[in-house]
Each structure stands twice: as C-alpha cells, then as structure tokens.
Amino acid sequence: MQTIDDLDPHRFYTPEEIAPYMGIAPSTLRGYCRASKLFTRVGRRMMLDPEDATAVRQWIKDQNPMREWWEEPEPDPFAP
C-alpha cells in the first residue's frame, strides 16, 4: 500500500493508519476530521474509510488555496 487509493475500500482505518499516507501527524488528522465532520464513528472511535480519507485530503486543500506569487497583497490602510 503506497497511497490512500490502494487501501481496501471495504475496511475502516484509524487516523493513525491513514496519517502516514497523508504525511501528517495522527493528532492533526483527527483535528481536521472533527473540523470537516468527514469521518465515521464506530462506537466511540473515529474511523475513516478510503473515501473519507480522500474527502478530508480535498477539504484540507480547499481550506488554504495557494495565492499566485505575483499577486500583491491588499495594502495596509494604516501603513504610513
């Protein structure tokens, strides 16, 4: 298994199992899951299937879109 797409779609995974595929810490992934509400509760545990993991990955990308480097930021109205 190299990517999230290679995971078994009929199985649930813990954030600890999914996080290495996304390159982030498990606690960070749990926070993103709570914020986006893209996870499944199995009892008291937070679990993800590959579809949830892909949706969380897309949600993360949509939160901080990259600005083009040539765009000037808005001028500070309080700057001298």
N, C-alpha and C. Protein backbone atom coordinates (compact mmCIF):
# COMPACT_ATOMS: atom_id res chain seq x y z
N MET A 1 0.84 -1.18 0.00
CA MET A 1 0.00 0.00 0.00
C MET A 1 0.88 1.24 0.00
N GLN A 2 0.76 2.04 -1.05
CA GLN A 2 1.56 3.25 -1.18
C GLN A 2 0.73 4.52 -1.05
N THR A 3 -0.52 4.48 -1.48
CA THR A 3 -1.36 5.67 -1.43
C THR A 3 -2.71 5.32 -0.81
N ILE A 4 -3.49 6.34 -0.54
CA ILE A 4 -4.82 6.13 0.01
C ILE A 4 -5.68 5.33 -0.97
N ASP A 5 -5.44 5.54 -2.25
CA ASP A 5 -6.23 4.84 -3.28
C ASP A 5 -6.00 3.34 -3.27
N ASP A 6 -4.87 2.89 -2.69
CA ASP A 6 -4.56 1.46 -2.64
C ASP A 6 -5.19 0.76 -1.45
N LEU A 7 -5.82 1.50 -0.54
CA LEU A 7 -6.42 0.90 0.64
C LEU A 7 -7.68 0.13 0.29
N ASP A 8 -8.01 -0.87 1.10
CA ASP A 8 -9.20 -1.69 0.90
C ASP A 8 -10.44 -0.83 1.14
N PRO A 9 -11.31 -0.65 0.14
CA PRO A 9 -12.47 0.22 0.31
C PRO A 9 -13.54 -0.34 1.24
N HIS A 10 -13.44 -1.60 1.62
CA HIS A 10 -14.45 -2.24 2.46
C HIS A 10 -14.01 -2.33 3.91
N ARG A 11 -13.02 -1.55 4.30
CA ARG A 11 -12.48 -1.60 5.65
C ARG A 11 -12.38 -0.19 6.22
N PHE A 12 -12.54 -0.07 7.53
CA PHE A 12 -12.34 1.20 8.22
C PHE A 12 -10.93 1.22 8.78
N TYR A 13 -10.33 2.41 8.79
CA TYR A 13 -8.97 2.60 9.29
C TYR A 13 -8.98 3.68 10.37
N THR A 14 -8.05 3.58 11.30
CA THR A 14 -7.91 4.61 12.32
C THR A 14 -7.10 5.77 11.73
N PRO A 15 -7.19 6.95 12.34
CA PRO A 15 -6.36 8.06 11.86
C PRO A 15 -4.86 7.74 11.93
N GLU A 16 -4.47 6.90 12.88
CA GLU A 16 -3.06 6.51 12.99
C GLU A 16 -2.60 5.71 11.78
N GLU A 17 -3.52 4.94 11.18
CA GLU A 17 -3.18 4.16 9.99
C GLU A 17 -3.19 5.00 8.72
N ILE A 18 -4.03 6.01 8.66
CA ILE A 18 -4.19 6.84 7.46
C ILE A 18 -3.17 7.97 7.41
N ALA A 19 -2.84 8.54 8.56
CA ALA A 19 -1.98 9.74 8.62
C ALA A 19 -0.66 9.58 7.87
N PRO A 20 0.07 8.46 7.96
CA PRO A 20 1.33 8.36 7.21
C PRO A 20 1.14 8.48 5.70
N TYR A 21 0.01 8.05 5.18
CA TYR A 21 -0.24 8.18 3.74
C TYR A 21 -0.44 9.63 3.34
N MET A 22 -0.91 10.44 4.30
CA MET A 22 -1.16 11.85 4.02
C MET A 22 0.02 12.73 4.40
N GLY A 23 0.97 12.17 5.13
CA GLY A 23 2.16 12.93 5.51
C GLY A 23 1.93 13.90 6.65
N ILE A 24 0.94 13.62 7.50
CA ILE A 24 0.67 14.48 8.65
C ILE A 24 0.58 13.62 9.91
N ALA A 25 0.62 14.27 11.06
CA ALA A 25 0.53 13.57 12.34
C ALA A 25 -0.90 13.07 12.57
N PRO A 26 -1.05 11.94 13.26
CA PRO A 26 -2.41 11.44 13.54
C PRO A 26 -3.28 12.44 14.30
N SER A 27 -2.70 13.17 15.25
CA SER A 27 -3.49 14.15 16.01
C SER A 27 -3.98 15.28 15.10
N THR A 28 -3.15 15.68 14.14
CA THR A 28 -3.55 16.71 13.18
C THR A 28 -4.68 16.20 12.30
N LEU A 29 -4.58 14.95 11.86
CA LEU A 29 -5.63 14.36 11.04
C LEU A 29 -6.94 14.28 11.82
N ARG A 30 -6.88 13.90 13.10
CA ARG A 30 -8.10 13.85 13.91
C ARG A 30 -8.73 15.24 14.01
N GLY A 31 -7.91 16.27 14.17
CA GLY A 31 -8.44 17.64 14.23
C GLY A 31 -9.11 18.04 12.93
N TYR A 32 -8.48 17.72 11.81
CA TYR A 32 -9.08 18.02 10.51
C TYR A 32 -10.40 17.26 10.32
N CYS A 33 -10.44 16.01 10.78
CA CYS A 33 -11.66 15.22 10.66
C CYS A 33 -12.79 15.84 11.47
N ARG A 34 -12.48 16.28 12.69
CA ARG A 34 -13.50 16.91 13.53
C ARG A 34 -13.99 18.22 12.90
N ALA A 35 -13.06 19.01 12.38
CA ALA A 35 -13.44 20.30 11.80
C ALA A 35 -14.29 20.12 10.54
N SER A 36 -13.95 19.13 9.73
CA SER A 36 -14.66 18.92 8.47
C SER A 36 -15.88 18.01 8.62
N LYS A 37 -15.95 17.29 9.74
CA LYS A 37 -17.02 16.30 10.00
C LYS A 37 -17.02 15.19 8.95
N LEU A 38 -15.84 14.86 8.45
CA LEU A 38 -15.70 13.80 7.44
C LEU A 38 -15.06 12.57 8.07
N PHE A 39 -15.83 11.85 8.86
CA PHE A 39 -15.35 10.62 9.47
C PHE A 39 -16.56 9.80 9.88
N THR A 40 -16.33 8.57 10.32
CA THR A 40 -17.39 7.68 10.76
C THR A 40 -17.09 7.28 12.19
N ARG A 41 -18.09 7.35 13.05
CA ARG A 41 -17.92 6.88 14.43
C ARG A 41 -18.27 5.39 14.46
N VAL A 42 -17.35 4.60 14.97
CA VAL A 42 -17.60 3.19 15.20
C VAL A 42 -17.48 3.02 16.72
N GLY A 43 -18.62 2.98 17.37
CA GLY A 43 -18.62 3.03 18.83
C GLY A 43 -18.17 4.41 19.25
N ARG A 44 -17.10 4.48 20.01
CA ARG A 44 -16.53 5.77 20.42
C ARG A 44 -15.34 6.16 19.58
N ARG A 45 -14.93 5.29 18.67
CA ARG A 45 -13.71 5.53 17.89
C ARG A 45 -13.99 6.27 16.60
N MET A 46 -13.07 7.14 16.25
CA MET A 46 -13.12 7.84 14.97
C MET A 46 -12.46 6.94 13.93
N MET A 47 -13.18 6.62 12.88
CA MET A 47 -12.65 5.74 11.84
C MET A 47 -12.85 6.39 10.48
N LEU A 48 -11.99 6.02 9.55
CA LEU A 48 -12.05 6.55 8.19
C LEU A 48 -12.02 5.41 7.19
N ASP A 49 -12.83 5.49 6.17
CA ASP A 49 -12.66 4.59 5.05
C ASP A 49 -11.89 5.37 3.98
N PRO A 50 -11.41 4.73 2.93
CA PRO A 50 -10.63 5.46 1.93
C PRO A 50 -11.38 6.64 1.31
N GLU A 51 -12.69 6.53 1.18
CA GLU A 51 -13.48 7.64 0.63
C GLU A 51 -13.45 8.84 1.59
N ASP A 52 -13.57 8.57 2.90
CA ASP A 52 -13.47 9.65 3.89
C ASP A 52 -12.09 10.30 3.85
N ALA A 53 -11.05 9.48 3.75
CA ALA A 53 -9.68 10.00 3.73
C ALA A 53 -9.45 10.89 2.51
N THR A 54 -9.97 10.48 1.38
CA THR A 54 -9.84 11.29 0.16
C THR A 54 -10.62 12.60 0.31
N ALA A 55 -11.79 12.54 0.93
CA ALA A 55 -12.59 13.75 1.14
C ALA A 55 -11.88 14.70 2.11
N VAL A 56 -11.25 14.17 3.16
CA VAL A 56 -10.51 15.02 4.10
C VAL A 56 -9.32 15.66 3.40
N ARG A 57 -8.62 14.88 2.57
CA ARG A 57 -7.48 15.43 1.83
C ARG A 57 -7.93 16.58 0.94
N GLN A 58 -9.05 16.44 0.26
CA GLN A 58 -9.57 17.51 -0.59
C GLN A 58 -10.02 18.70 0.26
N TRP A 59 -10.62 18.43 1.42
CA TRP A 59 -11.05 19.51 2.32
C TRP A 59 -9.85 20.33 2.78
N ILE A 60 -8.74 19.66 3.09
CA ILE A 60 -7.52 20.36 3.51
C ILE A 60 -7.02 21.26 2.38
N LYS A 61 -7.01 20.74 1.17
CA LYS A 61 -6.55 21.53 0.02
C LYS A 61 -7.44 22.75 -0.20
N ASP A 62 -8.73 22.61 0.00
CA ASP A 62 -9.68 23.71 -0.23
C ASP A 62 -9.60 24.78 0.85
N GLN A 63 -9.07 24.45 2.02
CA GLN A 63 -9.01 25.41 3.12
C GLN A 63 -7.98 26.50 2.89
N ASN A 64 -6.84 26.17 2.32
CA ASN A 64 -5.75 27.13 2.13
C ASN A 64 -5.31 27.17 0.68
N PRO A 65 -6.11 27.76 -0.19
CA PRO A 65 -5.69 27.81 -1.59
C PRO A 65 -4.43 28.67 -1.74
N MET A 66 -3.54 28.21 -2.57
CA MET A 66 -2.29 28.94 -2.80
C MET A 66 -2.58 30.19 -3.61
N ARG A 67 -2.02 31.29 -3.15
CA ARG A 67 -2.13 32.54 -3.89
C ARG A 67 -1.00 32.59 -4.90
N GLU A 68 -1.26 33.18 -6.02
CA GLU A 68 -0.21 33.32 -7.02
C GLU A 68 0.86 34.25 -6.48
N TRP A 69 2.11 33.93 -6.70
CA TRP A 69 3.20 34.69 -6.10
C TRP A 69 3.28 36.11 -6.62
N TRP A 70 2.73 36.37 -7.82
CA TRP A 70 2.84 37.71 -8.38
C TRP A 70 1.70 38.62 -7.91
N GLU A 71 0.71 38.08 -7.23
CA GLU A 71 -0.37 38.91 -6.74
C GLU A 71 0.11 39.73 -5.55
N GLU A 72 -0.20 41.00 -5.58
CA GLU A 72 0.15 41.88 -4.48
C GLU A 72 -0.90 41.74 -3.38
N PRO A 73 -0.48 41.66 -2.13
CA PRO A 73 -1.48 41.63 -1.06
C PRO A 73 -2.18 42.99 -0.96
N GLU A 74 -3.32 42.99 -0.31
CA GLU A 74 -4.04 44.25 -0.16
C GLU A 74 -3.18 45.22 0.65
N PRO A 75 -3.17 46.50 0.25
CA PRO A 75 -2.37 47.47 1.01
C PRO A 75 -2.96 47.68 2.41
N ASP A 76 -2.09 47.87 3.38
CA ASP A 76 -2.49 48.12 4.74
C ASP A 76 -3.01 49.54 4.85
N PRO A 77 -4.29 49.75 5.21
CA PRO A 77 -4.82 51.12 5.26
C PRO A 77 -4.20 51.95 6.40
N PHE A 78 -3.55 51.31 7.36
CA PHE A 78 -2.95 52.04 8.47
C PHE A 78 -1.46 52.24 8.29
N ALA A 79 -0.91 51.77 7.19
CA ALA A 79 0.52 51.94 6.93
C ALA A 79 0.80 53.40 6.56
N PRO A 80 1.97 53.92 6.94
CA PRO A 80 2.29 55.33 6.59
C PRO A 80 2.56 55.50 5.11
